Amino acid sequence: VLHLLCDLTIASETAKFGQNGPRVGSFDAGFGTGL
């Protein structure tokens, strides 16, 4: 979510992206979904 909120994202080839909330009993249902 933090990278999503940034205006620009530059990633290394080794970067991995994803969400994990529903796996650990959590969620981000504001910017994390809508944006």
PDB file of all heavy atoms in Angstrom:
ATOM      1  N   VAL A   1       0.830  -1.198   0.000  1.00  0.00           N
ATOM      2  CA  VAL A   1       0.000   0.000   0.000  1.00  0.00           C
ATOM      3  C   VAL A   1       0.872   1.258   0.000  1.00  0.00           C
ATOM      4  O   VAL A   1       0.558   2.239  -0.683  1.00  0.00           O
ATOM      5  CB  VAL A   1      -0.954  -0.006   1.211  1.00  0.00           C
ATOM      6  CG1 VAL A   1      -1.742   1.302   1.288  1.00  0.00           C
ATOM      7  CG2 VAL A   1      -1.912  -1.187   1.130  1.00  0.00           C
ATOM      8  N   LEU A   2       1.976   1.235   0.742  1.00  0.00           N
ATOM      9  CA  LEU A   2       2.854   2.409   0.777  1.00  0.00           C
ATOM     10  C   LEU A   2       3.415   2.731  -0.599  1.00  0.00           C
ATOM     11  O   LEU A   2       3.435   3.896  -1.017  1.00  0.00           O
ATOM     12  CB  LEU A   2       3.997   2.202   1.774  1.00  0.00           C
ATOM     13  CG  LEU A   2       3.633   2.136   3.259  1.00  0.00           C
ATOM     14  CD1 LEU A   2       4.897   2.026   4.104  1.00  0.00           C
ATOM     15  CD2 LEU A   2       2.813   3.340   3.693  1.00  0.00           C
ATOM     16  N   HIS A   3       3.884   1.713  -1.325  1.00  0.00           N
ATOM     17  CA  HIS A   3       4.416   2.001  -2.665  1.00  0.00           C
ATOM     18  C   HIS A   3       3.309   2.498  -3.584  1.00  0.00           C
ATOM     19  O   HIS A   3       3.520   3.371  -4.436  1.00  0.00           O
ATOM     20  CB  HIS A   3       5.119   0.762  -3.250  1.00  0.00           C
ATOM     21  CG  HIS A   3       4.379   0.065  -4.335  1.00  0.00           C
ATOM     22  ND1 HIS A   3       4.409   0.482  -5.652  1.00  0.00           N
ATOM     23  CD2 HIS A   3       3.569  -1.026  -4.292  1.00  0.00           C
ATOM     24  CE1 HIS A   3       3.643  -0.327  -6.380  1.00  0.00           C
ATOM     25  NE2 HIS A   3       3.133  -1.237  -5.595  1.00  0.00           N
ATOM     26  N   LEU A   4       2.098   1.949  -3.412  1.00  0.00           N
ATOM     27  CA  LEU A   4       0.958   2.371  -4.232  1.00  0.00           C
ATOM     28  C   LEU A   4       0.637   3.845  -4.005  1.00  0.00           C
ATOM     29  O   LEU A   4       0.286   4.569  -4.942  1.00  0.00           O
ATOM     30  CB  LEU A   4      -0.252   1.498  -3.886  1.00  0.00           C
ATOM     31  CG  LEU A   4      -1.526   1.689  -4.703  1.00  0.00           C
ATOM     32  CD1 LEU A   4      -1.322   1.194  -6.140  1.00  0.00           C
ATOM     33  CD2 LEU A   4      -2.686   0.938  -4.058  1.00  0.00           C
ATOM     34  N   LEU A   5       0.770   4.305  -2.770  1.00  0.00           N
ATOM     35  CA  LEU A   5       0.488   5.699  -2.439  1.00  0.00           C
ATOM     36  C   LEU A   5       1.533   6.664  -2.984  1.00  0.00           C
ATOM     37  O   LEU A   5       1.244   7.849  -3.171  1.00  0.00           O
ATOM     38  CB  LEU A   5       0.403   5.859  -0.916  1.00  0.00           C
ATOM     39  CG  LEU A   5      -0.870   5.326  -0.265  1.00  0.00           C
ATOM     40  CD1 LEU A   5      -0.649   5.155   1.232  1.00  0.00           C
ATOM     41  CD2 LEU A   5      -2.040   6.262  -0.526  1.00  0.00           C
ATOM     42  N   CYS A   6       2.750   6.173  -3.214  1.00  0.00           N
ATOM     43  CA  CYS A   6       3.785   7.039  -3.788  1.00  0.00           C
ATOM     44  C   CYS A   6       3.415   7.426  -5.215  1.00  0.00           C
ATOM     45  O   CYS A   6       2.708   6.702  -5.914  1.00  0.00           O
ATOM     46  CB  CYS A   6       5.135   6.321  -3.757  1.00  0.00           C
ATOM     47  SG  CYS A   6       5.778   6.003  -2.100  1.00  0.00           S
ATOM     48  N   ASP A   7       3.893   8.567  -5.655  1.00  0.00           N
ATOM     49  CA  ASP A   7       3.528   9.066  -6.986  1.00  0.00           C
ATOM     50  C   ASP A   7       4.134   8.229  -8.099  1.00  0.00           C
ATOM     51  O   ASP A   7       3.523   8.060  -9.162  1.00  0.00           O
ATOM     52  CB  ASP A   7       3.989  10.523  -7.122  1.00  0.00           C
ATOM     53  CG  ASP A   7       3.359  11.420  -6.070  1.00  0.00           C
ATOM     54  OD1 ASP A   7       2.125  11.577  -6.101  1.00  0.00           O
ATOM     55  OD2 ASP A   7       4.090  11.935  -5.215  1.00  0.00           O
ATOM     56  N   LEU A   8       5.327   7.724  -7.873  1.00  0.00           N
ATOM     57  CA  LEU A   8       6.047   6.931  -8.871  1.00  0.00           C
ATOM     58  C   LEU A   8       6.678   5.731  -8.176  1.00  0.00           C
ATOM     59  O   LEU A   8       7.012   5.811  -6.993  1.00  0.00           O
ATOM     60  CB  LEU A   8       7.142   7.768  -9.540  1.00  0.00           C
ATOM     61  CG  LEU A   8       6.701   9.055 -10.242  1.00  0.00           C
ATOM     62  CD1 LEU A   8       7.910   9.942 -10.511  1.00  0.00           C
ATOM     63  CD2 LEU A   8       5.968   8.738 -11.541  1.00  0.00           C
ATOM     64  N   THR A   9       6.846   4.632  -8.907  1.00  0.00           N
ATOM     65  CA  THR A   9       7.514   3.454  -8.341  1.00  0.00           C
ATOM     66  C   THR A   9       8.550   2.936  -9.332  1.00  0.00           C
ATOM     67  O   THR A   9       8.223   2.652 -10.486  1.00  0.00           O
ATOM     68  CB  THR A   9       6.517   2.327  -8.028  1.00  0.00           C
ATOM     69  OG1 THR A   9       5.588   2.775  -7.037  1.00  0.00           O
ATOM     70  CG2 THR A   9       7.247   1.091  -7.504  1.00  0.00           C
ATOM     71  N   ILE A  10       9.776   2.832  -8.861  1.00  0.00           N
ATOM     72  CA  ILE A  10      10.847   2.193  -9.620  1.00  0.00           C
ATOM     73  C   ILE A  10      11.270   0.966  -8.834  1.00  0.00           C
ATOM     74  O   ILE A  10      11.521   1.042  -7.623  1.00  0.00           O
ATOM     75  CB  ILE A  10      12.038   3.141  -9.834  1.00  0.00           C
ATOM     76  CG1 ILE A  10      11.565   4.413 -10.565  1.00  0.00           C
ATOM     77  CG2 ILE A  10      13.148   2.454 -10.630  1.00  0.00           C
ATOM     78  CD1 ILE A  10      12.635   5.473 -10.718  1.00  0.00           C
ATOM     79  N   ALA A  11      11.318  -0.180  -9.493  1.00  0.00           N
ATOM     80  CA  ALA A  11      11.563  -1.442  -8.804  1.00  0.00           C
ATOM     81  C   ALA A  11      12.808  -2.128  -9.327  1.00  0.00           C
ATOM     82  O   ALA A  11      13.143  -2.029 -10.514  1.00  0.00           O
ATOM     83  CB  ALA A  11      10.366  -2.373  -8.969  1.00  0.00           C
ATOM     84  N   SER A  12      13.482  -2.827  -8.446  1.00  0.00           N
ATOM     85  CA  SER A  12      14.574  -3.688  -8.879  1.00  0.00           C
ATOM     86  C   SER A  12      13.992  -4.980  -9.452  1.00  0.00           C
ATOM     87  O   SER A  12      12.838  -5.330  -9.181  1.00  0.00           O
ATOM     88  CB  SER A  12      15.501  -4.014  -7.708  1.00  0.00           C
ATOM     89  OG  SER A  12      14.962  -5.049  -6.914  1.00  0.00           O
ATOM     90  N   GLU A  13      14.780  -5.667 -10.237  1.00  0.00           N
ATOM     91  CA  GLU A  13      14.323  -6.924 -10.836  1.00  0.00           C
ATOM     92  C   GLU A  13      13.989  -7.974  -9.783  1.00  0.00           C
ATOM     93  O   GLU A  13      13.254  -8.926 -10.058  1.00  0.00           O
ATOM     94  CB  GLU A  13      15.402  -7.479 -11.777  1.00  0.00           C
ATOM     95  CG  GLU A  13      15.636  -6.630 -13.009  1.00  0.00           C
ATOM     96  CD  GLU A  13      16.804  -7.124 -13.850  1.00  0.00           C
ATOM     97  OE1 GLU A  13      17.694  -7.809 -13.290  1.00  0.00           O
ATOM     98  OE2 GLU A  13      16.827  -6.812 -15.061  1.00  0.00           O
ATOM     99  N   THR A  14      14.500  -7.810  -8.578  1.00  0.00           N
ATOM    100  CA  THR A  14      14.276  -8.775  -7.504  1.00  0.00           C
ATOM    101  C   THR A  14      13.030  -8.463  -6.674  1.00  0.00           C
ATOM    102  O   THR A  14      12.711  -9.211  -5.744  1.00  0.00           O
ATOM    103  CB  THR A  14      15.494  -8.806  -6.562  1.00  0.00           C
ATOM    104  OG1 THR A  14      15.707  -7.490  -6.035  1.00  0.00           O
ATOM    105  CG2 THR A  14      16.743  -9.260  -7.314  1.00  0.00           C
ATOM    106  N   ALA A  15      12.343  -7.380  -6.984  1.00  0.00           N
ATOM    107  CA  ALA A  15      11.192  -6.969  -6.181  1.00  0.00           C
ATOM    108  C   ALA A  15      10.041  -7.965  -6.313  1.00  0.00           C
ATOM    109  O   ALA A  15       9.860  -8.603  -7.359  1.00  0.00           O
ATOM    110  CB  ALA A  15      10.733  -5.576  -6.601  1.00  0.00           C
ATOM    111  N   LYS A  16       9.259  -8.075  -5.247  1.00  0.00           N
ATOM    112  CA  LYS A  16       8.050  -8.900  -5.232  1.00  0.00           C
ATOM    113  C   LYS A  16       6.916  -8.065  -4.651  1.00  0.00           C
ATOM    114  O   LYS A  16       7.102  -7.348  -3.658  1.00  0.00           O
ATOM    115  CB  LYS A  16       8.249 -10.144  -4.374  1.00  0.00           C
ATOM    116  CG  LYS A  16       9.292 -11.120  -4.896  1.00  0.00           C
ATOM    117  CD  LYS A  16       8.800 -11.867  -6.123  1.00  0.00           C
ATOM    118  CE  LYS A  16       9.804 -12.918  -6.565  1.00  0.00           C
ATOM    119  NZ  LYS A  16       9.371 -13.623  -7.790  1.00  0.00           N
ATOM    120  N   PHE A  17       5.736  -8.193  -5.240  1.00  0.00           N
ATOM    121  CA  PHE A  17       4.596  -7.389  -4.846  1.00  0.00           C
ATOM    122  C   PHE A  17       3.422  -8.283  -4.460  1.00  0.00           C
ATOM    123  O   PHE A  17       3.249  -9.362  -5.022  1.00  0.00           O
ATOM    124  CB  PHE A  17       4.173  -6.467  -6.000  1.00  0.00           C
ATOM    125  CG  PHE A  17       5.236  -5.484  -6.417  1.00  0.00           C
ATOM    126  CD1 PHE A  17       6.240  -5.861  -7.302  1.00  0.00           C
ATOM    127  CD2 PHE A  17       5.240  -4.196  -5.919  1.00  0.00           C
ATOM    128  CE1 PHE A  17       7.230  -4.961  -7.689  1.00  0.00           C
ATOM    129  CE2 PHE A  17       6.217  -3.290  -6.291  1.00  0.00           C
ATOM    130  CZ  PHE A  17       7.218  -3.673  -7.177  1.00  0.00           C
ATOM    131  N   GLY A  18       2.584  -7.811  -3.531  1.00  0.00           N
ATOM    132  CA  GLY A  18       1.398  -8.574  -3.188  1.00  0.00           C
ATOM    133  C   GLY A  18       0.769  -8.122  -1.886  1.00  0.00           C
ATOM    134  O   GLY A  18       1.334  -7.328  -1.132  1.00  0.00           O
ATOM    135  N   GLN A  19      -0.422  -8.638  -1.642  1.00  0.00           N
ATOM    136  CA  GLN A  19      -1.134  -8.382  -0.393  1.00  0.00           C
ATOM    137  C   GLN A  19      -1.169  -9.664   0.437  1.00  0.00           C
ATOM    138  O   GLN A  19      -1.081 -10.770  -0.097  1.00  0.00           O
ATOM    139  CB  GLN A  19      -2.551  -7.900  -0.674  1.00  0.00           C
ATOM    140  CG  GLN A  19      -2.625  -6.506  -1.289  1.00  0.00           C
ATOM    141  CD  GLN A  19      -2.047  -5.399  -0.428  1.00  0.00           C
ATOM    142  OE1 GLN A  19      -1.589  -4.377  -0.915  1.00  0.00           O
ATOM    143  NE2 GLN A  19      -2.050  -5.601   0.879  1.00  0.00           N
ATOM    144  N   ASN A  20      -1.327  -9.488   1.753  1.00  0.00           N
ATOM    145  CA  ASN A  20      -1.279 -10.640   2.653  1.00  0.00           C
ATOM    146  C   ASN A  20      -2.339 -10.580   3.739  1.00  0.00           C
ATOM    147  O   ASN A  20      -2.479 -11.513   4.521  1.00  0.00           O
ATOM    148  CB  ASN A  20       0.116 -10.722   3.307  1.00  0.00           C
ATOM    149  CG  ASN A  20       0.447 -12.094   3.818  1.00  0.00           C
ATOM    150  OD1 ASN A  20       0.167 -13.095   3.163  1.00  0.00           O
ATOM    151  ND2 ASN A  20       1.044 -12.160   4.990  1.00  0.00           N
ATOM    152  N   GLY A  21      -3.100  -9.481   3.785  1.00  0.00           N
ATOM    153  CA  GLY A  21      -4.034  -9.253   4.877  1.00  0.00           C
ATOM    154  C   GLY A  21      -4.999 -10.388   5.161  1.00  0.00           C
ATOM    155  O   GLY A  21      -5.097 -10.855   6.301  1.00  0.00           O
ATOM    156  N   PRO A  22      -5.750 -10.862   4.170  1.00  0.00           N
ATOM    157  CA  PRO A  22      -6.709 -11.930   4.443  1.00  0.00           C
ATOM    158  C   PRO A  22      -6.065 -13.217   4.952  1.00  0.00           C
ATOM    159  O   PRO A  22      -6.751 -14.058   5.533  1.00  0.00           O
ATOM    160  CB  PRO A  22      -7.366 -12.156   3.070  1.00  0.00           C
ATOM    161  CG  PRO A  22      -7.255 -10.828   2.390  1.00  0.00           C
ATOM    162  CD  PRO A  22      -5.912 -10.300   2.816  1.00  0.00           C
ATOM    163  N   ARG A  23      -4.783 -13.359   4.756  1.00  0.00           N
ATOM    164  CA  ARG A  23      -4.075 -14.544   5.261  1.00  0.00           C
ATOM    165  C   ARG A  23      -3.745 -14.413   6.742  1.00  0.00           C
ATOM    166  O   ARG A  23      -3.595 -15.413   7.439  1.00  0.00           O
ATOM    167  CB  ARG A  23      -2.796 -14.776   4.438  1.00  0.00           C
ATOM    168  CG  ARG A  23      -2.066 -16.065   4.772  1.00  0.00           C
ATOM    169  CD  ARG A  23      -0.867 -16.286   3.863  1.00  0.00           C
ATOM    170  NE  ARG A  23      -1.265 -16.736   2.534  1.00  0.00           N
ATOM    171  CZ  ARG A  23      -0.937 -16.140   1.390  1.00  0.00           C
ATOM    172  NH1 ARG A  23      -0.202 -15.038   1.410  1.00  0.00           N
ATOM    173  NH2 ARG A  23      -1.339 -16.624   0.238  1.00  0.00           N
ATOM    174  N   VAL A  24      -3.602 -13.184   7.237  1.00  0.00           N
ATOM    175  CA  VAL A  24      -3.197 -12.980   8.631  1.00  0.00           C
ATOM    176  C   VAL A  24      -4.288 -12.283   9.451  1.00  0.00           C
ATOM    177  O   VAL A  24      -4.018 -11.781  10.539  1.00  0.00           O
ATOM    178  CB  VAL A  24      -1.880 -12.173   8.720  1.00  0.00           C
ATOM    179  CG1 VAL A  24      -0.748 -12.928   8.064  1.00  0.00           C
ATOM    180  CG2 VAL A  24      -2.028 -10.786   8.098  1.00  0.00           C
ATOM    181  N   GLY A  25      -5.508 -12.269   8.943  1.00  0.00           N
ATOM    182  CA  GLY A  25      -6.590 -11.637   9.682  1.00  0.00           C
ATOM    183  C   GLY A  25      -6.513 -10.133   9.691  1.00  0.00           C
ATOM    184  O   GLY A  25      -6.632  -9.498  10.738  1.00  0.00           O
ATOM    185  N   SER A  26      -6.332  -9.535   8.513  1.00  0.00           N
ATOM    186  CA  SER A  26      -6.223  -8.091   8.409  1.00  0.00           C
ATOM    187  C   SER A  26      -6.677  -7.660   7.014  1.00  0.00           C
ATOM    188  O   SER A  26      -6.929  -8.498   6.138  1.00  0.00           O
ATOM    189  CB  SER A  26      -4.778  -7.645   8.671  1.00  0.00           C
ATOM    190  OG  SER A  26      -4.671  -6.237   8.648  1.00  0.00           O
ATOM    191  N   PHE A  27      -6.793  -6.343   6.809  1.00  0.00           N
ATOM    192  CA  PHE A  27      -7.159  -5.807   5.498  1.00  0.00           C
ATOM    193  C   PHE A  27      -6.875  -4.314   5.463  1.00  0.00           C
ATOM    194  O   PHE A  27      -6.730  -3.681   6.503  1.00  0.00           O
ATOM    195  CB  PHE A  27      -8.641  -6.076   5.175  1.00  0.00           C
ATOM    196  CG  PHE A  27      -9.605  -5.646   6.239  1.00  0.00           C
ATOM    197  CD1 PHE A  27      -9.994  -4.319   6.377  1.00  0.00           C
ATOM    198  CD2 PHE A  27     -10.133  -6.571   7.136  1.00  0.00           C
ATOM    199  CE1 PHE A  27     -10.880  -3.916   7.358  1.00  0.00           C
ATOM    200  CE2 PHE A  27     -11.027  -6.186   8.126  1.00  0.00           C
ATOM    201  CZ  PHE A  27     -11.399  -4.853   8.234  1.00  0.00           C
ATOM    202  N   ASP A  28      -6.801  -3.756   4.267  1.00  0.00           N
ATOM    203  CA  ASP A  28      -6.698  -2.319   4.067  1.00  0.00           C
ATOM    204  C   ASP A  28      -7.711  -1.960   2.986  1.00  0.00           C
ATOM    205  O   ASP A  28      -7.438  -2.098   1.792  1.00  0.00           O
ATOM    206  CB  ASP A  28      -5.290  -1.911   3.641  1.00  0.00           C
ATOM    207  CG  ASP A  28      -5.127  -0.383   3.575  1.00  0.00           C
ATOM    208  OD1 ASP A  28      -6.093   0.289   3.167  1.00  0.00           O
ATOM    209  OD2 ASP A  28      -4.068   0.124   3.932  1.00  0.00           O
ATOM    210  N   ALA A  29      -8.888  -1.558   3.440  1.00  0.00           N
ATOM    211  CA  ALA A  29     -10.002  -1.370   2.509  1.00  0.00           C
ATOM    212  C   ALA A  29     -10.237   0.088   2.130  1.00  0.00           C
ATOM    213  O   ALA A  29     -11.326   0.466   1.742  1.00  0.00           O
ATOM    214  CB  ALA A  29     -11.281  -1.971   3.102  1.00  0.00           C
ATOM    215  N   GLY A  30      -9.218   0.921   2.234  1.00  0.00           N
ATOM    216  CA  GLY A  30      -9.335   2.308   1.802  1.00  0.00           C
ATOM    217  C   GLY A  30      -8.547   2.510   0.522  1.00  0.00           C
ATOM    218  O   GLY A  30      -8.921   2.046  -0.552  1.00  0.00           O
ATOM    219  N   PHE A  31      -7.406   3.198   0.636  1.00  0.00           N
ATOM    220  CA  PHE A  31      -6.547   3.399  -0.524  1.00  0.00           C
ATOM    221  C   PHE A  31      -6.033   2.061  -1.068  1.00  0.00           C
ATOM    222  O   PHE A  31      -5.801   1.922  -2.261  1.00  0.00           O
ATOM    223  CB  PHE A  31      -5.360   4.291  -0.156  1.00  0.00           C
ATOM    224  CG  PHE A  31      -5.721   5.732   0.074  1.00  0.00           C
ATOM    225  CD1 PHE A  31      -5.551   6.316   1.324  1.00  0.00           C
ATOM    226  CD2 PHE A  31      -6.240   6.513  -0.948  1.00  0.00           C
ATOM    227  CE1 PHE A  31      -5.877   7.643   1.541  1.00  0.00           C
ATOM    228  CE2 PHE A  31      -6.576   7.839  -0.746  1.00  0.00           C
ATOM    229  CZ  PHE A  31      -6.399   8.409   0.513  1.00  0.00           C
ATOM    230  N   GLY A  32      -5.863   1.092  -0.173  1.00  0.00           N
ATOM    231  CA  GLY A  32      -5.309  -0.194  -0.591  1.00  0.00           C
ATOM    232  C   GLY A  32      -6.160  -0.946  -1.576  1.00  0.00           C
ATOM    233  O   GLY A  32      -5.654  -1.794  -2.319  1.00  0.00           O
ATOM    234  N   THR A  33      -7.461  -0.666  -1.604  1.00  0.00           N
ATOM    235  CA  THR A  33      -8.339  -1.290  -2.597  1.00  0.00           C
ATOM    236  C   THR A  33      -8.714  -0.303  -3.702  1.00  0.00           C
ATOM    237  O   THR A  33      -8.505  -0.560  -4.871  1.00  0.00           O
ATOM    238  CB  THR A  33      -9.605  -1.833  -1.929  1.00  0.00           C
ATOM    239  OG1 THR A  33     -10.237  -0.791  -1.167  1.00  0.00           O
ATOM    240  CG2 THR A  33      -9.292  -3.008  -1.030  1.00  0.00           C
ATOM    241  N   GLY A  34      -9.260   0.839  -3.295  1.00  0.00           N
ATOM    242  CA  GLY A  34      -9.768   1.782  -4.290  1.00  0.00           C
ATOM    243  C   GLY A  34      -8.703   2.349  -5.196  1.00  0.00           C
ATOM    244  O   GLY A  34      -8.867   2.402  -6.423  1.00  0.00           O
ATOM    245  N   LEU A  35      -7.577   2.768  -4.609  1.00  0.00           N
ATOM    246  CA  LEU A  35      -6.505   3.341  -5.415  1.00  0.00           C
ATOM    247  C   LEU A  35      -5.857   2.272  -6.292  1.00  0.00           C
ATOM    248  O   LEU A  35      -5.472   2.542  -7.434  1.00  0.00           O
ATOM    249  CB  LEU A  35      -5.464   3.989  -4.506  1.00  0.00           C
ATOM    250  CG  LEU A  35      -4.463   4.935  -5.164  1.00  0.00           C
ATOM    251  CD1 LEU A  35      -5.176   6.094  -5.850  1.00  0.00           C
ATOM    252  CD2 LEU A  35      -3.476   5.471  -4.137  1.00  0.00           C
TER     253      LEU A  35
END
